PDB file of N, CA and C in Angstrom:
ATOM      1  N   MET A   1      -3.936   1.029 -16.691  1.00  0.00           N
ATOM      2  CA  MET A   1      -4.037   0.874 -15.243  1.00  0.00           C
ATOM      3  C   MET A   1      -4.080   2.264 -14.617  1.00  0.00           C
ATOM      4  N   LYS A   2      -4.930   2.410 -13.655  1.00  0.00           N
ATOM      5  CA  LYS A   2      -5.094   3.701 -12.969  1.00  0.00           C
ATOM      6  C   LYS A   2      -3.985   3.930 -11.948  1.00  0.00           C
ATOM      7  N   ASN A   3      -3.804   5.182 -11.618  1.00  0.00           N
ATOM      8  CA  ASN A   3      -2.909   5.566 -10.530  1.00  0.00           C
ATOM      9  C   ASN A   3      -3.617   5.237  -9.232  1.00  0.00           C
ATOM     10  N   CYS A   4      -2.892   4.702  -8.281  1.00  0.00           N
ATOM     11  CA  CYS A   4      -3.580   4.376  -7.033  1.00  0.00           C
ATOM     12  C   CYS A   4      -2.664   4.394  -5.822  1.00  0.00           C
ATOM     13  N   LEU A   5      -3.323   4.531  -4.693  1.00  0.00           N
ATOM     14  CA  LEU A   5      -2.740   4.346  -3.375  1.00  0.00           C
ATOM     15  C   LEU A   5      -3.136   2.932  -2.988  1.00  0.00           C
ATOM     16  N   TYR A   6      -2.248   2.197  -2.343  1.00  0.00           N
ATOM     17  CA  TYR A   6      -2.599   0.840  -1.926  1.00  0.00           C
ATOM     18  C   TYR A   6      -2.040   0.545  -0.542  1.00  0.00           C
ATOM     19  N   VAL A   7      -2.686  -0.403   0.131  1.00  0.00           N
ATOM     20  CA  VAL A   7      -2.236  -0.848   1.448  1.00  0.00           C
ATOM     21  C   VAL A   7      -2.087  -2.359   1.394  1.00  0.00           C
ATOM     22  N   LEU A   8      -0.910  -2.834   1.786  1.00  0.00           N
ATOM     23  CA  LEU A   8      -0.654  -4.260   1.902  1.00  0.00           C
ATOM     24  C   LEU A   8      -0.620  -4.613   3.379  1.00  0.00           C
ATOM     25  N   SER A   9      -1.031  -5.835   3.697  1.00  0.00           N
ATOM     26  CA  SER A   9      -1.042  -6.284   5.084  1.00  0.00           C
ATOM     27  C   SER A   9      -0.274  -7.592   5.199  1.00  0.00           C
ATOM     28  N   ASN A  10       0.491  -7.718   6.272  1.00  0.00           N
ATOM     29  CA  ASN A  10       1.156  -8.974   6.590  1.00  0.00           C
ATOM     30  C   ASN A  10       0.422  -9.573   7.774  1.00  0.00           C
ATOM     31  N   GLU A  11      -0.283 -10.677   7.553  1.00  0.00           N
ATOM     32  CA  GLU A  11      -1.107 -11.265   8.608  1.00  0.00           C
ATOM     33  C   GLU A  11      -0.275 -11.833   9.752  1.00  0.00           C
ATOM     34  N   THR A  12       0.956 -12.235   9.478  1.00  0.00           N
ATOM     35  CA  THR A  12       1.816 -12.793  10.520  1.00  0.00           C
ATOM     36  C   THR A  12       2.225 -11.732  11.535  1.00  0.00           C
ATOM     37  N   THR A  13       2.631 -10.571  11.041  1.00  0.00           N
ATOM     38  CA  THR A  13       3.139  -9.521  11.924  1.00  0.00           C
ATOM     39  C   THR A  13       2.108  -8.450  12.245  1.00  0.00           C
ATOM     40  N   GLY A  14       1.041  -8.364  11.429  1.00  0.00           N
ATOM     41  CA  GLY A  14       0.046  -7.308  11.611  1.00  0.00           C
ATOM     42  C   GLY A  14       0.495  -5.963  11.066  1.00  0.00           C
ATOM     43  N   ARG A  15       1.612  -5.948  10.336  1.00  0.00           N
ATOM     44  CA  ARG A  15       2.144  -4.695   9.798  1.00  0.00           C
ATOM     45  C   ARG A  15       1.510  -4.362   8.459  1.00  0.00           C
ATOM     46  N   TYR A  16       1.501  -3.065   8.167  1.00  0.00           N
ATOM     47  CA  TYR A  16       0.981  -2.568   6.900  1.00  0.00           C
ATOM     48  C   TYR A  16       2.103  -1.938   6.089  1.00  0.00           C
ATOM     49  N   TYR A  17       1.948  -1.989   4.780  1.00  0.00           N
ATOM     50  CA  TYR A  17       2.813  -1.262   3.863  1.00  0.00           C
ATOM     51  C   TYR A  17       1.899  -0.369   3.039  1.00  0.00           C
ATOM     52  N   ILE A  18       2.194   0.918   2.992  1.00  0.00           N
ATOM     53  CA  ILE A  18       1.386   1.885   2.245  1.00  0.00           C
ATOM     54  C   ILE A  18       2.238   2.396   1.092  1.00  0.00           C
ATOM     55  N   GLY A  19       1.671   2.374  -0.111  1.00  0.00           N
ATOM     56  CA  GLY A  19       2.412   2.836  -1.272  1.00  0.00           C
ATOM     57  C   GLY A  19       1.498   3.436  -2.319  1.00  0.00           C
ATOM     58  N   SER A  20       2.107   3.961  -3.369  1.00  0.00           N
ATOM     59  CA  SER A  20       1.345   4.489  -4.503  1.00  0.00           C
ATOM     60  C   SER A  20       2.069   4.079  -5.775  1.00  0.00           C
ATOM     61  N   THR A  21       1.306   3.949  -6.853  1.00  0.00           N
ATOM     62  CA  THR A  21       1.873   3.488  -8.112  1.00  0.00           C
ATOM     63  C   THR A  21       0.975   3.874  -9.278  1.00  0.00           C
ATOM     64  N   ASN A  22       1.537   3.826 -10.463  1.00  0.00           N
ATOM     65  CA  ASN A  22       0.731   4.028 -11.663  1.00  0.00           C
ATOM     66  C   ASN A  22       0.423   2.695 -12.344  1.00  0.00           C
ATOM     67  N   ASN A  23       0.869   1.588 -11.733  1.00  0.00           N
ATOM     68  CA  ASN A  23       0.608   0.253 -12.269  1.00  0.00           C
ATOM     69  C   ASN A  23       0.570  -0.737 -11.109  1.00  0.00           C
ATOM     70  N   LEU A  24      -0.604  -0.942 -10.547  1.00  0.00           N
ATOM     71  CA  LEU A  24      -0.740  -1.766  -9.344  1.00  0.00           C
ATOM     72  C   LEU A  24      -0.345  -3.218  -9.599  1.00  0.00           C
ATOM     73  N   GLU A  25      -0.740  -3.773 -10.713  1.00  0.00           N
ATOM     74  CA  GLU A  25      -0.410  -5.172 -11.008  1.00  0.00           C
ATOM     75  C   GLU A  25       1.106  -5.397 -11.018  1.00  0.00           C
ATOM     76  N   ARG A  26       1.832  -4.521 -11.698  1.00  0.00           N
ATOM     77  CA  ARG A  26       3.293  -4.621 -11.741  1.00  0.00           C
ATOM     78  C   ARG A  26       3.900  -4.458 -10.355  1.00  0.00           C
ATOM     79  N   ARG A  27       3.390  -3.488  -9.613  1.00  0.00           N
ATOM     80  CA  ARG A  27       3.944  -3.205  -8.288  1.00  0.00           C
ATOM     81  C   ARG A  27       3.723  -4.370  -7.328  1.00  0.00           C
ATOM     82  N   LEU A  28       2.558  -5.001  -7.393  1.00  0.00           N
ATOM     83  CA  LEU A  28       2.300  -6.161  -6.536  1.00  0.00           C
ATOM     84  C   LEU A  28       3.252  -7.310  -6.874  1.00  0.00           C
ATOM     85  N   LYS A  29       3.527  -7.507  -8.155  1.00  0.00           N
ATOM     86  CA  LYS A  29       4.483  -8.545  -8.563  1.00  0.00           C
ATOM     87  C   LYS A  29       5.871  -8.241  -8.014  1.00  0.00           C
ATOM     88  N   GLU A  30       6.248  -6.962  -8.005  1.00  0.00           N
ATOM     89  CA  GLU A  30       7.547  -6.577  -7.445  1.00  0.00           C
ATOM     90  C   GLU A  30       7.611  -6.899  -5.959  1.00  0.00           C
ATOM     91  N   HIS A  31       6.531  -6.626  -5.241  1.00  0.00           N
ATOM     92  CA  HIS A  31       6.498  -6.953  -3.811  1.00  0.00           C
ATOM     93  C   HIS A  31       6.608  -8.464  -3.608  1.00  0.00           C
ATOM     94  N   GLN A  32       5.856  -9.228  -4.365  1.00  0.00           N
ATOM     95  CA  GLN A  32       5.811 -10.681  -4.199  1.00  0.00           C
ATOM     96  C   GLN A  32       7.106 -11.377  -4.610  1.00  0.00           C
ATOM     97  N   SER A  33       7.867 -10.762  -5.497  1.00  0.00           N
ATOM     98  CA  SER A  33       9.114 -11.383  -5.951  1.00  0.00           C
ATOM     99  C   SER A  33      10.332 -10.906  -5.166  1.00  0.00           C
ATOM    100  N   GLY A  34      10.120 -10.064  -4.162  1.00  0.00           N
ATOM    101  CA  GLY A  34      11.220  -9.610  -3.319  1.00  0.00           C
ATOM    102  C   GLY A  34      12.023  -8.465  -3.898  1.00  0.00           C
ATOM    103  N   LYS A  35      11.493  -7.778  -4.883  1.00  0.00           N
ATOM    104  CA  LYS A  35      12.215  -6.666  -5.506  1.00  0.00           C
ATOM    105  C   LYS A  35      12.040  -5.344  -4.763  1.00  0.00           C
ATOM    106  N   THR A  36      11.217  -5.347  -3.732  1.00  0.00           N
ATOM    107  CA  THR A  36      10.983  -4.141  -2.945  1.00  0.00           C
ATOM    108  C   THR A  36      11.678  -4.308  -1.596  1.00  0.00           C
ATOM    109  N   ARG A  37      12.623  -3.442  -1.314  1.00  0.00           N
ATOM    110  CA  ARG A  37      13.450  -3.565  -0.112  1.00  0.00           C
ATOM    111  C   ARG A  37      12.620  -3.673   1.164  1.00  0.00           C
ATOM    112  N   THR A  38      11.596  -2.847   1.298  1.00  0.00           N
ATOM    113  CA  THR A  38      10.820  -2.790   2.535  1.00  0.00           C
ATOM    114  C   THR A  38      10.038  -4.065   2.808  1.00  0.00           C
ATOM    115  N   THR A  39       9.505  -4.695   1.779  1.00  0.00           N
ATOM    116  CA  THR A  39       8.688  -5.896   1.978  1.00  0.00           C
ATOM    117  C   THR A  39       9.436  -7.179   1.631  1.00  0.00           C
ATOM    118  N   LYS A  40      10.710  -7.089   1.311  1.00  0.00           N
ATOM    119  CA  LYS A  40      11.496  -8.246   0.877  1.00  0.00           C
ATOM    120  C   LYS A  40      11.607  -9.326   1.951  1.00  0.00           C
ATOM    121  N   VAL A  41      11.800  -8.936   3.189  1.00  0.00           N
ATOM    122  CA  VAL A  41      12.010  -9.901   4.269  1.00  0.00           C
ATOM    123  C   VAL A  41      10.769 -10.760   4.500  1.00  0.00           C
ATOM    124  N   LEU A  42       9.618 -10.133   4.573  1.00  0.00           N
ATOM    125  CA  LEU A  42       8.360 -10.852   4.800  1.00  0.00           C
ATOM    126  C   LEU A  42       7.486 -10.706   3.562  1.00  0.00           C
ATOM    127  N   MET A  43       7.667 -11.568   2.601  1.00  0.00           N
ATOM    128  CA  MET A  43       6.978 -11.408   1.319  1.00  0.00           C
ATOM    129  C   MET A  43       5.547 -11.959   1.333  1.00  0.00           C
ATOM    130  N   THR A  44       4.947 -12.068   2.485  1.00  0.00           N
ATOM    131  CA  THR A  44       3.592 -12.618   2.580  1.00  0.00           C
ATOM    132  C   THR A  44       2.546 -11.518   2.729  1.00  0.00           C
ATOM    133  N   TYR A  45       2.777 -10.396   2.104  1.00  0.00           N
ATOM    134  CA  TYR A  45       1.821  -9.295   2.153  1.00  0.00           C
ATOM    135  C   TYR A  45       0.691  -9.538   1.171  1.00  0.00           C
ATOM    136  N   LYS A  46      -0.524  -9.096   1.543  1.00  0.00           N
ATOM    137  CA  LYS A  46      -1.647  -9.171   0.603  1.00  0.00           C
ATOM    138  C   LYS A  46      -2.311  -7.803   0.512  1.00  0.00           C
ATOM    139  N   LEU A  47      -2.896  -7.537  -0.644  1.00  0.00           N
ATOM    140  CA  LEU A  47      -3.572  -6.266  -0.882  1.00  0.00           C
ATOM    141  C   LEU A  47      -4.865  -6.233  -0.079  1.00  0.00           C
ATOM    142  N   VAL A  48      -5.017  -5.198   0.768  1.00  0.00           N
ATOM    143  CA  VAL A  48      -6.229  -5.086   1.588  1.00  0.00           C
ATOM    144  C   VAL A  48      -7.019  -3.812   1.301  1.00  0.00           C
ATOM    145  N   TYR A  49      -6.417  -2.880   0.546  1.00  0.00           N
ATOM    146  CA  TYR A  49      -7.105  -1.617   0.290  1.00  0.00           C
ATOM    147  C   TYR A  49      -6.463  -0.915  -0.896  1.00  0.00           C
ATOM    148  N   LYS A  50      -7.293  -0.209  -1.684  1.00  0.00           N
ATOM    149  CA  LYS A  50      -6.757   0.651  -2.735  1.00  0.00           C
ATOM    150  C   LYS A  50      -7.728   1.787  -3.011  1.00  0.00           C
ATOM    151  N   GLU A  51      -7.176   2.903  -3.438  1.00  0.00           N
ATOM    152  CA  GLU A  51      -7.942   4.066  -3.884  1.00  0.00           C
ATOM    153  C   GLU A  51      -7.370   4.470  -5.230  1.00  0.00           C
ATOM    154  N   GLU A  52      -8.232   4.772  -6.197  1.00  0.00           N
ATOM    155  CA  GLU A  52      -7.775   5.183  -7.520  1.00  0.00           C
ATOM    156  C   GLU A  52      -7.833   6.704  -7.674  1.00  0.00           C
ATOM    157  N   PHE A  53      -6.880   7.241  -8.444  1.00  0.00           N
ATOM    158  CA  PHE A  53      -6.754   8.682  -8.661  1.00  0.00           C
ATOM    159  C   PHE A  53      -6.503   8.967 -10.134  1.00  0.00           C
ATOM    160  N   ASP A  54      -6.807  10.183 -10.546  1.00  0.00           N
ATOM    161  CA  ASP A  54      -6.571  10.589 -11.932  1.00  0.00           C
ATOM    162  C   ASP A  54      -5.087  10.784 -12.235  1.00  0.00           C
ATOM    163  N   THR A  55      -4.322  11.184 -11.228  1.00  0.00           N
ATOM    164  CA  THR A  55      -2.891  11.428 -11.438  1.00  0.00           C
ATOM    165  C   THR A  55      -2.073  10.721 -10.370  1.00  0.00           C
ATOM    166  N   ILE A  56      -0.827  10.413 -10.705  1.00  0.00           N
ATOM    167  CA  ILE A  56       0.069   9.791  -9.732  1.00  0.00           C
ATOM    168  C   ILE A  56       0.397  10.781  -8.614  1.00  0.00           C
ATOM    169  N   GLN A  57       0.412  12.065  -8.939  1.00  0.00           N
ATOM    170  CA  GLN A  57       0.687  13.083  -7.916  1.00  0.00           C
ATOM    171  C   GLN A  57      -0.390  13.058  -6.833  1.00  0.00           C
ATOM    172  N   ALA A  58      -1.646  12.911  -7.232  1.00  0.00           N
ATOM    173  CA  ALA A  58      -2.743  12.847  -6.260  1.00  0.00           C
ATOM    174  C   ALA A  58      -2.623  11.595  -5.398  1.00  0.00           C
ATOM    175  N   ALA A  59      -2.241  10.482  -5.996  1.00  0.00           N
ATOM    176  CA  ALA A  59      -2.061   9.238  -5.239  1.00  0.00           C
ATOM    177  C   ALA A  59      -0.928   9.390  -4.230  1.00  0.00           C
ATOM    178  N   ARG A  60       0.151  10.030  -4.640  1.00  0.00           N
ATOM    179  CA  ARG A  60       1.296  10.218  -3.732  1.00  0.00           C
ATOM    180  C   ARG A  60       0.965  11.179  -2.592  1.00  0.00           C
ATOM    181  N   LEU A  61       0.171  12.200  -2.879  1.00  0.00           N
ATOM    182  CA  LEU A  61      -0.261  13.109  -1.810  1.00  0.00           C
ATOM    183  C   LEU A  61      -1.096  12.362  -0.773  1.00  0.00           C
ATOM    184  N   ARG A  62      -1.992  11.500  -1.235  1.00  0.00           N
ATOM    185  CA  ARG A  62      -2.828  10.707  -0.323  1.00  0.00           C
ATOM    186  C   ARG A  62      -1.958   9.745   0.486  1.00  0.00           C
ATOM    187  N   GLU A  63      -0.976   9.125  -0.155  1.00  0.00           N
ATOM    188  CA  GLU A  63      -0.043   8.238   0.549  1.00  0.00           C
ATOM    189  C   GLU A  63       0.665   9.004   1.665  1.00  0.00           C
ATOM    190  N   LYS A  64       1.173  10.171   1.332  1.00  0.00           N
ATOM    191  CA  LYS A  64       1.895  10.992   2.310  1.00  0.00           C
ATOM    192  C   LYS A  64       0.990  11.371   3.483  1.00  0.00           C
ATOM    193  N   LYS A  65      -0.267  11.712   3.176  1.00  0.00           N
ATOM    194  CA  LYS A  65      -1.205  12.098   4.229  1.00  0.00           C
ATOM    195  C   LYS A  65      -1.478  10.927   5.175  1.00  0.00           C
ATOM    196  N   ILE A  66      -1.735   9.753   4.618  1.00  0.00           N
ATOM    197  CA  ILE A  66      -2.015   8.585   5.458  1.00  0.00           C
ATOM    198  C   ILE A  66      -0.798   8.235   6.306  1.00  0.00           C
ATOM    199  N   LYS A  67       0.390   8.280   5.717  1.00  0.00           N
ATOM    200  CA  LYS A  67       1.604   7.976   6.472  1.00  0.00           C
ATOM    201  C   LYS A  67       1.842   9.001   7.580  1.00  0.00           C
ATOM    202  N   SER A  68       1.401  10.241   7.378  1.00  0.00           N
ATOM    203  CA  SER A  68       1.617  11.283   8.385  1.00  0.00           C
ATOM    204  C   SER A  68       0.813  11.029   9.660  1.00  0.00           C
ATOM    205  N   TYR A  69      -0.271  10.269   9.549  1.00  0.00           N
ATOM    206  CA  TYR A  69      -1.070   9.960  10.742  1.00  0.00           C
ATOM    207  C   TYR A  69      -0.327   9.033  11.700  1.00  0.00           C
ATOM    208  N   LYS A  70       0.555   8.188  11.167  1.00  0.00           N
ATOM    209  CA  LYS A  70       1.329   7.244  11.979  1.00  0.00           C
ATOM    210  C   LYS A  70       0.427   6.465  12.934  1.00  0.00           C
ATOM    211  N   SER A  71      -0.713   6.037  12.419  1.00  0.00           N
ATOM    212  CA  SER A  71      -1.709   5.394  13.268  1.00  0.00           C
ATOM    213  C   SER A  71      -2.210   4.096  12.648  1.00  0.00           C
ATOM    214  N   LYS A  72      -1.911   2.979  13.314  1.00  0.00           N
ATOM    215  CA  LYS A  72      -2.429   1.685  12.865  1.00  0.00           C
ATOM    216  C   LYS A  72      -3.946   1.662  12.991  1.00  0.00           C
ATOM    217  N   LYS A  73      -4.476   2.330  14.016  1.00  0.00           N
ATOM    218  CA  LYS A  73      -5.932   2.385  14.191  1.00  0.00           C
ATOM    219  C   LYS A  73      -6.606   3.045  12.994  1.00  0.00           C
ATOM    220  N   TYR A  74      -6.007   4.122  12.479  1.00  0.00           N
ATOM    221  CA  TYR A  74      -6.588   4.801  11.321  1.00  0.00           C
ATOM    222  C   TYR A  74      -6.570   3.884  10.100  1.00  0.00           C
ATOM    223  N   ILE A  75      -5.472   3.193   9.896  1.00  0.00           N
ATOM    224  CA  ILE A  75      -5.388   2.286   8.746  1.00  0.00           C
ATOM    225  C   ILE A  75      -6.384   1.142   8.900  1.00  0.00           C
ATOM    226  N   ASP A  76      -6.514   0.601  10.116  1.00  0.00           N
ATOM    227  CA  ASP A  76      -7.530  -0.435  10.372  1.00  0.00           C
ATOM    228  C   ASP A  76      -8.916   0.089  10.009  1.00  0.00           C
ATOM    229  N   TRP A  77      -9.223   1.303  10.450  1.00  0.00           N
ATOM    230  CA  TRP A  77     -10.524   1.908  10.145  1.00  0.00           C
ATOM    231  C   TRP A  77     -10.698   2.083   8.636  1.00  0.00           C
ATOM    232  N   LEU A  78      -9.670   2.578   7.977  1.00  0.00           N
ATOM    233  CA  LEU A  78      -9.729   2.846   6.547  1.00  0.00           C
ATOM    234  C   LEU A  78     -10.033   1.577   5.750  1.00  0.00           C
ATOM    235  N   ILE A  79      -9.338   0.498   6.039  1.00  0.00           N
ATOM    236  CA  ILE A  79      -9.535  -0.720   5.247  1.00  0.00           C
ATOM    237  C   ILE A  79     -10.815  -1.458   5.611  1.00  0.00           C
ATOM    238  N   ASN A  80     -11.393  -1.154   6.766  1.00  0.00           N
ATOM    239  CA  ASN A  80     -12.623  -1.835   7.184  1.00  0.00           C
ATOM    240  C   ASN A  80     -13.888  -1.021   6.970  1.00  0.00           C
ATOM    241  N   GLN A  81     -13.764   0.176   6.432  1.00  0.00           N
ATOM    242  CA  GLN A  81     -14.964   1.006   6.232  1.00  0.00           C
ATOM    243  C   GLN A  81     -15.789   0.525   5.065  1.00  0.00           C
TER     244      GLN A  81
END
């Protein structure tokens, strides 16, 4: 499994969760089973975007950059491009 940045969306609240991982399948299962503190309350998130990277460090840098924008509009644009 590749290293990746991913974006989850909760259609009920319109909120996004941005993360990075070296195993997307495992990480999605953790979100869906309530093992992730941030998404535990509303476990109805779905994967809406991902970017793959050669290293986990590159994925984490991209995650940090996207989070630094603090802009729902940017994330909307990113997942709809």
